[in-house]
Amino acid sequence: MSAPTDYLLDRRRMRRKLGWWRMAAIAAGGLALLVGFSKLGGADSTDKLTPHVARLSIQGMITGDKDTIDLIKKIGESSQAKALLLTIDSPGGTTTGSEKLYEELRRVGEKKPVVAVVGSVAASGAYIAALAADTIVARGNSLVGSVGVLFQFPNFHRLLDTVGVKVEEIKSSPLKASPNGFEPTSEAAKAAIASLVADSYSWFKDLVKERRKLDDAELAKVADGRVFTARQGLPLKLVDVIGGEREAIVWLETNKKLAKDLPVREWKKGASLERLGLVESAAGAARAFGLGSLAGFLDQASGAERSSGLDGLLAIWQGLDGR
């Protein structure tokens, strides 16, 4: 092969390599821009730099996730957020997650007024969050309450017996990893779990009694686990005002001397790369370019955000599904 031909081949190889690196640089720059836009769309955007009422939405299962807790902290620390409007539409979640949410909201309440506005439902752990507010506003047909704690576990030992499967185990004591669903639940195991439920239930009731200023007789009427419409809950002291966001703002202006006509600004968690699906896409691109180690790292990062579950005791209303 002649020298000029070798030279031309080398130039082509070099151009291909440079083209790959240009693509990688463009992709990295795009990701950096998306991260920047994500941050600007969150609590640090310019519309939060003037006096306003901060609106924070609590929806779905409550787990006390770090993003939500961090956002509440930022609202508490913001000198321009003059009040917190907490909009709630949730059946509850984990007892510990609800406790974390309540405690962080109370820290905000020590600095600025907090009012909760209930959408369709604020039950169990979501009602715990509402208890952190100075007042609770709800539509007449909103569901509130469900003061109680739940521990559920599947037991399929009879199914295993039917198919001829037995799970062997060696454990340090009878109550270790009990109940486990692989064997009949012993009375001792049931009693141990019942004591956990009773302790958390007692804490929940004390919280309702303190925050809603109930006596023992009034508490007994609302603490049997049922939900109430807001119309029912008003005379029971579970809610304070029938209405929505408009009534909540009026309450803040009247009772907390909030300046009139302050704009309401939505505070949202930043759109993470995982929520945008970018981490998974980047992992796929890394595999396509033969970067297996980078793809594995991105897969782990993606899986970490999706791994949070509902472990432990639950303060959750399960609706009318018969469970």
C-alpha atoms as a PDB file:
ATOM      1  CA  MET A   1       0.000   0.000   0.000  1.00  0.00           C
ATOM      2  CA  SER A   2       1.404   3.415  -0.989  1.00  0.00           C
ATOM      3  CA  ALA A   3       2.263   6.117   1.527  1.00  0.00           C
ATOM      4  CA  PRO A   4      -0.515   8.500   0.365  1.00  0.00           C
ATOM      5  CA  THR A   5      -3.091   5.731   0.848  1.00  0.00           C
ATOM      6  CA  ASP A   6      -1.875   5.028   4.385  1.00  0.00           C
ATOM      7  CA  TYR A   7      -2.013   8.741   5.114  1.00  0.00           C
ATOM      8  CA  LEU A   8      -5.601   9.013   3.887  1.00  0.00           C
ATOM      9  CA  LEU A   9      -6.705   6.005   5.970  1.00  0.00           C
ATOM     10  CA  ASP A  10      -5.099   7.478   9.063  1.00  0.00           C
ATOM     11  CA  ARG A  11      -6.881  10.768   8.473  1.00  0.00           C
ATOM     12  CA  ARG A  12     -10.216   8.981   8.169  1.00  0.00           C
ATOM     13  CA  ARG A  13      -9.630   7.088  11.430  1.00  0.00           C
ATOM     14  CA  MET A  14      -8.716  10.340  13.163  1.00  0.00           C
ATOM     15  CA  ARG A  15     -11.837  12.075  11.852  1.00  0.00           C
ATOM     16  CA  ARG A  16     -14.035   9.206  13.134  1.00  0.00           C
ATOM     17  CA  LYS A  17     -12.461   9.445  16.591  1.00  0.00           C
ATOM     18  CA  LEU A  18     -12.875  13.213  16.655  1.00  0.00           C
ATOM     19  CA  GLY A  19     -16.497  12.835  15.559  1.00  0.00           C
ATOM     20  CA  TRP A  20     -17.204  10.436  18.441  1.00  0.00           C
ATOM     21  CA  TRP A  21     -15.676  12.807  20.983  1.00  0.00           C
ATOM     22  CA  ARG A  22     -17.651  15.717  19.551  1.00  0.00           C
ATOM     23  CA  MET A  23     -20.853  13.720  20.006  1.00  0.00           C
ATOM     24  CA  ALA A  24     -19.873  12.850  23.570  1.00  0.00           C
ATOM     25  CA  ALA A  25     -19.105  16.514  24.333  1.00  0.00           C
ATOM     26  CA  ILE A  26     -22.456  17.641  22.861  1.00  0.00           C
ATOM     27  CA  ALA A  27     -24.300  14.994  24.920  1.00  0.00           C
ATOM     28  CA  ALA A  28     -22.496  16.054  28.102  1.00  0.00           C
ATOM     29  CA  GLY A  29     -23.296  19.704  27.402  1.00  0.00           C
ATOM     30  CA  GLY A  30     -26.946  18.834  26.821  1.00  0.00           C
ATOM     31  CA  LEU A  31     -27.137  16.985  30.124  1.00  0.00           C
ATOM     32  CA  ALA A  32     -25.523  19.943  31.892  1.00  0.00           C
ATOM     33  CA  LEU A  33     -28.114  22.302  30.389  1.00  0.00           C
ATOM     34  CA  LEU A  34     -30.950  20.038  31.462  1.00  0.00           C
ATOM     35  CA  VAL A  35     -29.600  19.930  35.008  1.00  0.00           C
ATOM     36  CA  GLY A  36     -29.435  23.730  34.973  1.00  0.00           C
ATOM     37  CA  PHE A  37     -33.009  24.071  33.721  1.00  0.00           C
ATOM     38  CA  SER A  38     -34.116  21.531  36.325  1.00  0.00           C
ATOM     39  CA  LYS A  39     -32.649  23.662  39.097  1.00  0.00           C
ATOM     40  CA  LEU A  40     -34.169  26.848  37.699  1.00  0.00           C
ATOM     41  CA  GLY A  41     -37.570  25.168  37.628  1.00  0.00           C
ATOM     42  CA  GLY A  42     -37.383  24.340  41.338  1.00  0.00           C
ATOM     43  CA  ALA A  43     -37.239  26.398  44.498  1.00  0.00           C
ATOM     44  CA  ASP A  44     -34.533  28.770  43.220  1.00  0.00           C
ATOM     45  CA  SER A  45     -36.418  30.228  40.238  1.00  0.00           C
ATOM     46  CA  THR A  46     -36.756  34.003  40.019  1.00  0.00           C
ATOM     47  CA  ASP A  47     -40.470  34.149  40.866  1.00  0.00           C
ATOM     48  CA  LYS A  48     -39.572  32.998  44.405  1.00  0.00           C
ATOM     49  CA  LEU A  49     -37.423  36.091  45.000  1.00  0.00           C
ATOM     50  CA  THR A  50     -40.355  38.432  45.739  1.00  0.00           C
ATOM     51  CA  PRO A  51     -42.931  38.218  48.568  1.00  0.00           C
ATOM     52  CA  HIS A  52     -45.442  35.434  47.956  1.00  0.00           C
ATOM     53  CA  VAL A  53     -47.451  32.585  49.452  1.00  0.00           C
ATOM     54  CA  ALA A  54     -45.655  29.264  48.875  1.00  0.00           C
ATOM     55  CA  ARG A  55     -47.866  26.432  47.645  1.00  0.00           C
ATOM     56  CA  LEU A  56     -46.633  22.886  48.266  1.00  0.00           C
ATOM     57  CA  SER A  57     -48.560  19.846  47.036  1.00  0.00           C
ATOM     58  CA  ILE A  58     -48.573  16.567  48.943  1.00  0.00           C
ATOM     59  CA  GLN A  59     -49.948  13.820  46.699  1.00  0.00           C
ATOM     60  CA  GLY A  60     -49.873  10.045  46.508  1.00  0.00           C
ATOM     61  CA  MET A  61     -48.084   7.794  48.976  1.00  0.00           C
ATOM     62  CA  ILE A  62     -46.221   9.598  51.735  1.00  0.00           C
ATOM     63  CA  THR A  63     -42.755   8.195  52.438  1.00  0.00           C
ATOM     64  CA  GLY A  64     -40.954  11.215  53.864  1.00  0.00           C
ATOM     65  CA  ASP A  65     -38.650  11.251  50.831  1.00  0.00           C
ATOM     66  CA  LYS A  66     -35.592  13.484  50.967  1.00  0.00           C
ATOM     67  CA  ASP A  67     -36.645  15.699  48.057  1.00  0.00           C
ATOM     68  CA  THR A  68     -39.899  16.675  49.767  1.00  0.00           C
ATOM     69  CA  ILE A  69     -38.245  17.240  53.148  1.00  0.00           C
ATOM     70  CA  ASP A  70     -35.511  19.384  51.559  1.00  0.00           C
ATOM     71  CA  LEU A  71     -38.118  21.447  49.718  1.00  0.00           C
ATOM     72  CA  ILE A  72     -40.039  22.111  52.950  1.00  0.00           C
ATOM     73  CA  LYS A  73     -36.782  23.217  54.588  1.00  0.00           C
ATOM     74  CA  LYS A  74     -36.161  25.679  51.742  1.00  0.00           C
ATOM     75  CA  ILE A  75     -39.641  27.141  52.139  1.00  0.00           C
ATOM     76  CA  GLY A  76     -39.015  27.582  55.861  1.00  0.00           C
ATOM     77  CA  GLU A  77     -35.705  29.325  55.171  1.00  0.00           C
ATOM     78  CA  SER A  78     -37.065  31.588  52.403  1.00  0.00           C
ATOM     79  CA  SER A  79     -37.558  35.158  53.635  1.00  0.00           C
ATOM     80  CA  GLN A  80     -39.867  35.868  50.684  1.00  0.00           C
ATOM     81  CA  ALA A  81     -42.299  32.998  51.352  1.00  0.00           C
ATOM     82  CA  LYS A  82     -44.615  34.735  53.808  1.00  0.00           C
ATOM     83  CA  ALA A  83     -46.873  31.720  54.390  1.00  0.00           C
ATOM     84  CA  LEU A  84     -47.183  28.081  53.355  1.00  0.00           C
ATOM     85  CA  LEU A  85     -50.291  26.821  51.579  1.00  0.00           C
ATOM     86  CA  LEU A  86     -50.180  23.036  51.906  1.00  0.00           C
ATOM     87  CA  THR A  87     -52.444  21.311  49.386  1.00  0.00           C
ATOM     88  CA  ILE A  88     -53.064  17.658  50.247  1.00  0.00           C
ATOM     89  CA  ASP A  89     -54.560  14.837  48.203  1.00  0.00           C
ATOM     90  CA  SER A  90     -53.280  11.563  49.629  1.00  0.00           C
ATOM     91  CA  PRO A  91     -54.530   8.392  51.360  1.00  0.00           C
ATOM     92  CA  GLY A  92     -51.440   8.366  53.622  1.00  0.00           C
ATOM     93  CA  GLY A  93     -48.282   6.304  53.638  1.00  0.00           C
ATOM     94  CA  THR A  94     -45.688   5.022  56.074  1.00  0.00           C
ATOM     95  CA  THR A  95     -46.037   6.049  59.705  1.00  0.00           C
ATOM     96  CA  THR A  96     -42.396   7.106  59.932  1.00  0.00           C
ATOM     97  CA  GLY A  97     -42.557   9.029  56.653  1.00  0.00           C
ATOM     98  CA  SER A  98     -45.664  10.872  57.866  1.00  0.00           C
ATOM     99  CA  GLU A  99     -43.912  11.659  61.139  1.00  0.00           C
ATOM    100  CA  LYS A 100     -40.920  13.136  59.275  1.00  0.00           C
ATOM    101  CA  LEU A 101     -43.246  15.225  57.128  1.00  0.00           C
ATOM    102  CA  TYR A 102     -45.188  16.469  60.160  1.00  0.00           C
ATOM    103  CA  GLU A 103     -42.050  17.447  62.086  1.00  0.00           C
ATOM    104  CA  GLU A 104     -40.573  19.391  59.167  1.00  0.00           C
ATOM    105  CA  LEU A 105     -43.858  21.204  58.555  1.00  0.00           C
ATOM    106  CA  ARG A 106     -44.036  22.160  62.233  1.00  0.00           C
ATOM    107  CA  ARG A 107     -40.565  23.696  61.947  1.00  0.00           C
ATOM    108  CA  VAL A 108     -41.926  25.874  59.150  1.00  0.00           C
ATOM    109  CA  GLY A 109     -44.960  26.661  61.316  1.00  0.00           C
ATOM    110  CA  GLU A 110     -42.678  28.091  63.984  1.00  0.00           C
ATOM    111  CA  LYS A 111     -41.486  30.724  61.482  1.00  0.00           C
ATOM    112  CA  LYS A 112     -44.516  31.477  59.321  1.00  0.00           C
ATOM    113  CA  PRO A 113     -48.227  30.577  59.093  1.00  0.00           C
ATOM    114  CA  VAL A 114     -49.206  27.259  57.537  1.00  0.00           C
ATOM    115  CA  VAL A 115     -52.678  26.377  56.251  1.00  0.00           C
ATOM    116  CA  ALA A 116     -53.684  22.988  54.825  1.00  0.00           C
ATOM    117  CA  VAL A 117     -56.154  22.695  51.950  1.00  0.00           C
ATOM    118  CA  VAL A 118     -57.567  19.205  51.441  1.00  0.00           C
ATOM    119  CA  GLY A 119     -58.478  17.998  47.964  1.00  0.00           C
ATOM    120  CA  SER A 120     -60.283  14.673  47.618  1.00  0.00           C
ATOM    121  CA  VAL A 121     -58.714  12.998  50.631  1.00  0.00           C
ATOM    122  CA  ALA A 122     -56.316  13.603  53.513  1.00  0.00           C
ATOM    123  CA  ALA A 123     -56.475  10.350  55.443  1.00  0.00           C
ATOM    124  CA  SER A 124     -54.192   8.574  57.894  1.00  0.00           C
ATOM    125  CA  GLY A 125     -50.612   9.742  57.252  1.00  0.00           C
ATOM    126  CA  ALA A 126     -51.884  12.589  55.067  1.00  0.00           C
ATOM    127  CA  TYR A 127     -54.066  13.755  57.946  1.00  0.00           C
ATOM    128  CA  ILE A 128     -50.945  13.670  60.132  1.00  0.00           C
ATOM    129  CA  ALA A 129     -49.419  16.131  57.652  1.00  0.00           C
ATOM    130  CA  ALA A 130     -52.548  18.300  57.838  1.00  0.00           C
ATOM    131  CA  LEU A 131     -52.264  18.365  61.634  1.00  0.00           C
ATOM    132  CA  ALA A 132     -49.048  20.371  61.240  1.00  0.00           C
ATOM    133  CA  ALA A 133     -51.033  23.316  59.842  1.00  0.00           C
ATOM    134  CA  ASP A 134     -52.459  26.184  61.858  1.00  0.00           C
ATOM    135  CA  THR A 135     -55.837  25.522  60.283  1.00  0.00           C
ATOM    136  CA  ILE A 136     -57.356  22.887  57.979  1.00  0.00           C
ATOM    137  CA  VAL A 137     -59.605  23.861  55.058  1.00  0.00           C
ATOM    138  CA  ALA A 138     -61.495  21.176  53.121  1.00  0.00           C
ATOM    139  CA  ARG A 139     -64.308  20.840  50.616  1.00  0.00           C
ATOM    140  CA  GLY A 140     -67.579  19.523  52.000  1.00  0.00           C
ATOM    141  CA  ASN A 141     -67.080  16.160  50.310  1.00  0.00           C
ATOM    142  CA  SER A 142     -63.360  15.845  51.049  1.00  0.00           C
ATOM    143  CA  LEU A 143     -62.472  12.802  53.137  1.00  0.00           C
ATOM    144  CA  VAL A 144     -60.464  13.310  56.305  1.00  0.00           C
ATOM    145  CA  GLY A 145     -59.508  11.268  59.370  1.00  0.00           C
ATOM    146  CA  SER A 146     -58.778   7.540  59.274  1.00  0.00           C
ATOM    147  CA  VAL A 147     -56.921   7.859  62.565  1.00  0.00           C
ATOM    148  CA  GLY A 148     -55.222   4.477  62.855  1.00  0.00           C
ATOM    149  CA  VAL A 149     -52.186   2.350  62.054  1.00  0.00           C
ATOM    150  CA  LEU A 150     -51.944  -0.773  59.915  1.00  0.00           C
ATOM    151  CA  PHE A 151     -49.511  -3.670  59.611  1.00  0.00           C
ATOM    152  CA  GLN A 152     -50.188  -6.190  56.848  1.00  0.00           C
ATOM    153  CA  PHE A 153     -48.268  -9.221  55.651  1.00  0.00           C
ATOM    154  CA  PRO A 154     -49.160 -12.074  53.277  1.00  0.00           C
ATOM    155  CA  ASN A 155     -49.278 -15.614  54.620  1.00  0.00           C
ATOM    156  CA  PHE A 156     -48.992 -18.315  51.962  1.00  0.00           C
ATOM    157  CA  HIS A 157     -47.833 -21.322  53.985  1.00  0.00           C
ATOM    158  CA  ARG A 158     -50.906 -23.342  52.916  1.00  0.00           C
ATOM    159  CA  LEU A 159     -50.106 -22.704  49.265  1.00  0.00           C
ATOM    160  CA  LEU A 160     -46.538 -23.901  49.870  1.00  0.00           C
ATOM    161  CA  ASP A 161     -47.890 -27.030  51.573  1.00  0.00           C
ATOM    162  CA  THR A 162     -50.114 -27.692  48.570  1.00  0.00           C
ATOM    163  CA  VAL A 163     -47.250 -27.508  46.085  1.00  0.00           C
ATOM    164  CA  GLY A 164     -44.873 -29.371  48.396  1.00  0.00           C
ATOM    165  CA  VAL A 165     -42.481 -26.556  49.288  1.00  0.00           C
ATOM    166  CA  LYS A 166     -41.088 -26.075  52.774  1.00  0.00           C
ATOM    167  CA  VAL A 167     -38.859 -23.170  53.758  1.00  0.00           C
ATOM    168  CA  GLU A 168     -36.242 -24.233  56.284  1.00  0.00           C
ATOM    169  CA  GLU A 169     -34.724 -21.683  58.645  1.00  0.00           C
ATOM    170  CA  ILE A 170     -32.337 -21.384  61.533  1.00  0.00           C
ATOM    171  CA  LYS A 171     -32.750 -18.300  63.695  1.00  0.00           C
ATOM    172  CA  SER A 172     -31.480 -16.997  66.990  1.00  0.00           C
ATOM    173  CA  SER A 173     -34.866 -16.674  68.681  1.00  0.00           C
ATOM    174  CA  PRO A 174     -38.527 -17.493  67.960  1.00  0.00           C
ATOM    175  CA  LEU A 175     -39.517 -13.924  67.092  1.00  0.00           C
ATOM    176  CA  LYS A 176     -36.620 -13.227  64.735  1.00  0.00           C
ATOM    177  CA  ALA A 177     -38.048 -12.423  61.255  1.00  0.00           C
ATOM    178  CA  SER A 178     -41.589 -13.153  62.413  1.00  0.00           C
ATOM    179  CA  PRO A 179     -44.128 -13.053  60.937  1.00  0.00           C
ATOM    180  CA  ASN A 180     -42.687 -14.211  57.621  1.00  0.00           C
ATOM    181  CA  GLY A 181     -45.572 -15.738  55.649  1.00  0.00           C
ATOM    182  CA  PHE A 182     -43.821 -19.100  55.218  1.00  0.00           C
ATOM    183  CA  GLU A 183     -45.379 -20.595  58.348  1.00  0.00           C
ATOM    184  CA  PRO A 184     -48.467 -20.118  60.526  1.00  0.00           C
ATOM    185  CA  THR A 185     -48.121 -16.917  62.538  1.00  0.00           C
ATOM    186  CA  SER A 186     -47.620 -17.675  66.205  1.00  0.00           C
ATOM    187  CA  GLU A 187     -49.596 -15.894  68.907  1.00  0.00           C
ATOM    188  CA  ALA A 188     -46.327 -14.473  70.244  1.00  0.00           C
ATOM    189  CA  ALA A 189     -45.520 -12.967  66.851  1.00  0.00           C
ATOM    190  CA  LYS A 190     -49.015 -11.483  66.571  1.00  0.00           C
ATOM    191  CA  ALA A 191     -48.679  -9.989  70.051  1.00  0.00           C
ATOM    192  CA  ALA A 192     -45.289  -8.459  69.184  1.00  0.00           C
ATOM    193  CA  ILE A 193     -46.666  -6.789  66.056  1.00  0.00           C
ATOM    194  CA  ALA A 194     -49.806  -5.700  67.925  1.00  0.00           C
ATOM    195  CA  SER A 195     -47.628  -3.897  70.461  1.00  0.00           C
ATOM    196  CA  LEU A 196     -45.928  -1.948  67.644  1.00  0.00           C
ATOM    197  CA  VAL A 197     -49.276  -0.990  66.154  1.00  0.00           C
ATOM    198  CA  ALA A 198     -50.638   0.037  69.570  1.00  0.00           C
ATOM    199  CA  ASP A 199     -47.623   2.233  70.282  1.00  0.00           C
ATOM    200  CA  SER A 200     -47.843   4.087  66.949  1.00  0.00           C
ATOM    201  CA  TYR A 201     -51.626   4.341  67.276  1.00  0.00           C
ATOM    202  CA  SER A 202     -51.244   5.918  70.710  1.00  0.00           C
ATOM    203  CA  TRP A 203     -48.786   8.452  69.273  1.00  0.00           C
ATOM    204  CA  PHE A 204     -51.219   9.260  66.424  1.00  0.00           C
ATOM    205  CA  LYS A 205     -54.140   9.770  68.823  1.00  0.00           C
ATOM    206  CA  ASP A 206     -52.085  11.993  71.120  1.00  0.00           C
ATOM    207  CA  LEU A 207     -51.146  14.101  68.103  1.00  0.00           C
ATOM    208  CA  VAL A 208     -54.782  14.498  67.062  1.00  0.00           C
ATOM    209  CA  LYS A 209     -55.811  15.313  70.639  1.00  0.00           C
ATOM    210  CA  GLU A 210     -53.102  17.954  71.028  1.00  0.00           C
ATOM    211  CA  ARG A 211     -53.323  19.632  67.623  1.00  0.00           C
ATOM    212  CA  ARG A 212     -57.126  19.603  67.365  1.00  0.00           C
ATOM    213  CA  LYS A 213     -57.649  20.428  71.052  1.00  0.00           C
ATOM    214  CA  LEU A 214     -59.945  17.496  71.797  1.00  0.00           C
ATOM    215  CA  ASP A 215     -60.926  15.991  75.114  1.00  0.00           C
ATOM    216  CA  ASP A 216     -60.999  12.220  75.614  1.00  0.00           C
ATOM    217  CA  ALA A 217     -64.663  11.893  74.657  1.00  0.00           C
ATOM    218  CA  GLU A 218     -64.189  13.936  71.472  1.00  0.00           C
ATOM    219  CA  LEU A 219     -61.091  11.940  70.554  1.00  0.00           C
ATOM    220  CA  ALA A 220     -62.939   8.640  70.959  1.00  0.00           C
ATOM    221  CA  LYS A 221     -65.501   9.734  68.346  1.00  0.00           C
ATOM    222  CA  VAL A 222     -62.882  10.268  65.624  1.00  0.00           C
ATOM    223  CA  ALA A 223     -60.146   7.729  66.422  1.00  0.00           C
ATOM    224  CA  ASP A 224     -61.762   4.436  65.417  1.00  0.00           C
ATOM    225  CA  GLY A 225     -60.142   4.369  61.978  1.00  0.00           C
ATOM    226  CA  ARG A 226     -63.039   5.612  59.889  1.00  0.00           C
ATOM    227  CA  VAL A 227     -62.960   8.521  57.442  1.00  0.00           C
ATOM    228  CA  PHE A 228     -65.378  11.437  57.576  1.00  0.00           C
ATOM    229  CA  THR A 229     -66.522  13.948  55.011  1.00  0.00           C
ATOM    230  CA  ALA A 230     -65.412  17.454  55.877  1.00  0.00           C
ATOM    231  CA  ARG A 231     -69.048  18.347  56.610  1.00  0.00           C
ATOM    232  CA  GLN A 232     -69.088  15.576  59.200  1.00  0.00           C
ATOM    233  CA  GLY A 233     -65.606  16.495  60.387  1.00  0.00           C
ATOM    234  CA  LEU A 234     -66.357  20.180  61.000  1.00  0.00           C
ATOM    235  CA  PRO A 235     -68.405  19.707  64.208  1.00  0.00           C
ATOM    236  CA  LEU A 236     -65.979  16.936  65.249  1.00  0.00           C
ATOM    237  CA  LYS A 237     -63.122  19.487  65.018  1.00  0.00           C
ATOM    238  CA  LEU A 238     -61.237  17.520  62.364  1.00  0.00           C
ATOM    239  CA  VAL A 239     -61.399  20.527  60.027  1.00  0.00           C
ATOM    240  CA  ASP A 240     -61.817  24.249  60.636  1.00  0.00           C
ATOM    241  CA  VAL A 241     -63.206  25.734  57.425  1.00  0.00           C
ATOM    242  CA  ILE A 242     -65.303  24.368  54.562  1.00  0.00           C
ATOM    243  CA  GLY A 243     -63.852  25.625  51.300  1.00  0.00           C
ATOM    244  CA  GLY A 244     -60.746  25.660  49.160  1.00  0.00           C
ATOM    245  CA  GLU A 245     -57.704  27.777  48.377  1.00  0.00           C
ATOM    246  CA  ARG A 246     -59.665  31.036  48.254  1.00  0.00           C
ATOM    247  CA  GLU A 247     -60.976  30.493  51.775  1.00  0.00           C
ATOM    248  CA  ALA A 248     -57.489  29.515  52.946  1.00  0.00           C
ATOM    249  CA  ILE A 249     -56.027  32.802  51.652  1.00  0.00           C
ATOM    250  CA  VAL A 250     -58.834  34.775  53.306  1.00  0.00           C
ATOM    251  CA  TRP A 251     -58.099  32.971  56.574  1.00  0.00           C
ATOM    252  CA  LEU A 252     -54.414  33.872  56.325  1.00  0.00           C
ATOM    253  CA  GLU A 253     -55.197  37.527  55.594  1.00  0.00           C
ATOM    254  CA  THR A 254     -57.741  37.738  58.414  1.00  0.00           C
ATOM    255  CA  ASN A 255     -56.079  35.697  61.147  1.00  0.00           C
ATOM    256  CA  LYS A 256     -52.357  35.952  60.345  1.00  0.00           C
ATOM    257  CA  LYS A 257     -52.309  39.521  59.013  1.00  0.00           C
ATOM    258  CA  LEU A 258     -50.957  38.351  55.669  1.00  0.00           C
ATOM    259  CA  ALA A 259     -50.665  41.191  53.155  1.00  0.00           C
ATOM    260  CA  LYS A 260     -53.556  41.164  50.714  1.00  0.00           C
ATOM    261  CA  ASP A 261     -53.179  40.043  47.115  1.00  0.00           C
ATOM    262  CA  LEU A 262     -49.837  38.316  47.571  1.00  0.00           C
ATOM    263  CA  PRO A 263     -49.224  35.982  44.604  1.00  0.00           C
ATOM    264  CA  VAL A 264     -49.307  32.244  45.226  1.00  0.00           C
ATOM    265  CA  ARG A 265     -46.188  30.516  43.899  1.00  0.00           C
ATOM    266  CA  GLU A 266     -45.893  26.765  43.323  1.00  0.00           C
ATOM    267  CA  TRP A 267     -42.850  25.166  44.946  1.00  0.00           C
ATOM    268  CA  LYS A 268     -41.975  21.886  43.243  1.00  0.00           C
ATOM    269  CA  LYS A 269     -39.295  19.284  43.514  1.00  0.00           C
ATOM    270  CA  GLY A 270     -36.701  19.674  40.773  1.00  0.00           C
ATOM    271  CA  ALA A 271     -37.201  17.389  37.782  1.00  0.00           C
ATOM    272  CA  SER A 272     -34.385  14.921  38.345  1.00  0.00           C
ATOM    273  CA  LEU A 273     -32.613  13.222  35.457  1.00  0.00           C
ATOM    274  CA  GLU A 274     -34.221   9.959  36.537  1.00  0.00           C
ATOM    275  CA  ARG A 275     -37.742  11.438  36.379  1.00  0.00           C
ATOM    276  CA  LEU A 276     -37.014  12.724  32.879  1.00  0.00           C
ATOM    277  CA  GLY A 277     -35.793   9.279  31.831  1.00  0.00           C
ATOM    278  CA  LEU A 278     -32.370  10.672  30.953  1.00  0.00           C
ATOM    279  CA  VAL A 279     -30.336   8.374  33.176  1.00  0.00           C
ATOM    280  CA  GLU A 280     -31.765   5.292  31.488  1.00  0.00           C
ATOM    281  CA  SER A 281     -31.220   6.825  28.040  1.00  0.00           C
ATOM    282  CA  ALA A 282     -27.627   7.746  28.910  1.00  0.00           C
ATOM    283  CA  ALA A 283     -26.999   4.179  30.091  1.00  0.00           C
ATOM    284  CA  GLY A 284     -28.259   2.856  26.760  1.00  0.00           C
ATOM    285  CA  ALA A 285     -26.023   5.245  24.848  1.00  0.00           C
ATOM    286  CA  ALA A 286     -23.031   4.224  26.959  1.00  0.00           C
ATOM    287  CA  ARG A 287     -23.639   0.560  26.084  1.00  0.00           C
ATOM    288  CA  ALA A 288     -23.899   1.442  22.393  1.00  0.00           C
ATOM    289  CA  PHE A 289     -20.446   3.013  22.550  1.00  0.00           C
ATOM    290  CA  GLY A 290     -19.028   0.036  24.442  1.00  0.00           C
ATOM    291  CA  LEU A 291     -18.716   1.864  27.768  1.00  0.00           C
ATOM    292  CA  GLY A 292     -19.982  -0.974  29.947  1.00  0.00           C
ATOM    293  CA  SER A 293     -18.667   0.331  33.268  1.00  0.00           C
ATOM    294  CA  LEU A 294     -20.334   3.723  32.776  1.00  0.00           C
ATOM    295  CA  ALA A 295     -23.595   2.020  31.791  1.00  0.00           C
ATOM    296  CA  GLY A 296     -23.481  -0.074  34.972  1.00  0.00           C
ATOM    297  CA  PHE A 297     -22.939   3.018  37.103  1.00  0.00           C
ATOM    298  CA  LEU A 298     -25.907   4.794  35.487  1.00  0.00           C
ATOM    299  CA  ASP A 299     -28.095   1.714  35.956  1.00  0.00           C
ATOM    300  CA  GLN A 300     -27.252   1.718  39.665  1.00  0.00           C
ATOM    301  CA  ALA A 301     -28.018   5.443  39.938  1.00  0.00           C
ATOM    302  CA  SER A 302     -31.341   4.922  38.168  1.00  0.00           C
ATOM    303  CA  GLY A 303     -32.276   1.976  40.378  1.00  0.00           C
ATOM    304  CA  ALA A 304     -31.452   3.844  43.579  1.00  0.00           C
ATOM    305  CA  GLU A 305     -34.153   6.433  42.996  1.00  0.00           C
ATOM    306  CA  ARG A 306     -36.776   3.809  42.163  1.00  0.00           C
ATOM    307  CA  SER A 307     -35.993   1.561  45.121  1.00  0.00           C
ATOM    308  CA  SER A 308     -37.937   3.349  47.856  1.00  0.00           C
ATOM    309  CA  GLY A 309     -40.845   1.224  49.047  1.00  0.00           C
ATOM    310  CA  LEU A 310     -43.466   1.184  51.772  1.00  0.00           C
ATOM    311  CA  ASP A 311     -41.685  -0.690  54.545  1.00  0.00           C
ATOM    312  CA  GLY A 312     -42.791  -0.866  58.162  1.00  0.00           C
ATOM    313  CA  LEU A 313     -46.019   0.336  59.731  1.00  0.00           C
ATOM    314  CA  LEU A 314     -48.519   2.139  57.521  1.00  0.00           C
ATOM    315  CA  ALA A 315     -50.848   5.004  58.267  1.00  0.00           C
ATOM    316  CA  ILE A 316     -52.936   4.702  55.132  1.00  0.00           C
ATOM    317  CA  TRP A 317     -56.578   4.574  54.133  1.00  0.00           C
ATOM    318  CA  GLN A 318     -57.265   1.788  51.653  1.00  0.00           C
ATOM    319  CA  GLY A 319     -60.578   2.991  50.357  1.00  0.00           C
ATOM    320  CA  LEU A 320     -63.367   0.711  49.221  1.00  0.00           C
ATOM    321  CA  ASP A 321     -61.354  -2.091  47.642  1.00  0.00           C
ATOM    322  CA  GLY A 322     -62.323  -4.546  50.373  1.00  0.00           C
ATOM    323  CA  ARG A 323     -58.842  -5.151  51.749  1.00  0.00           C
END
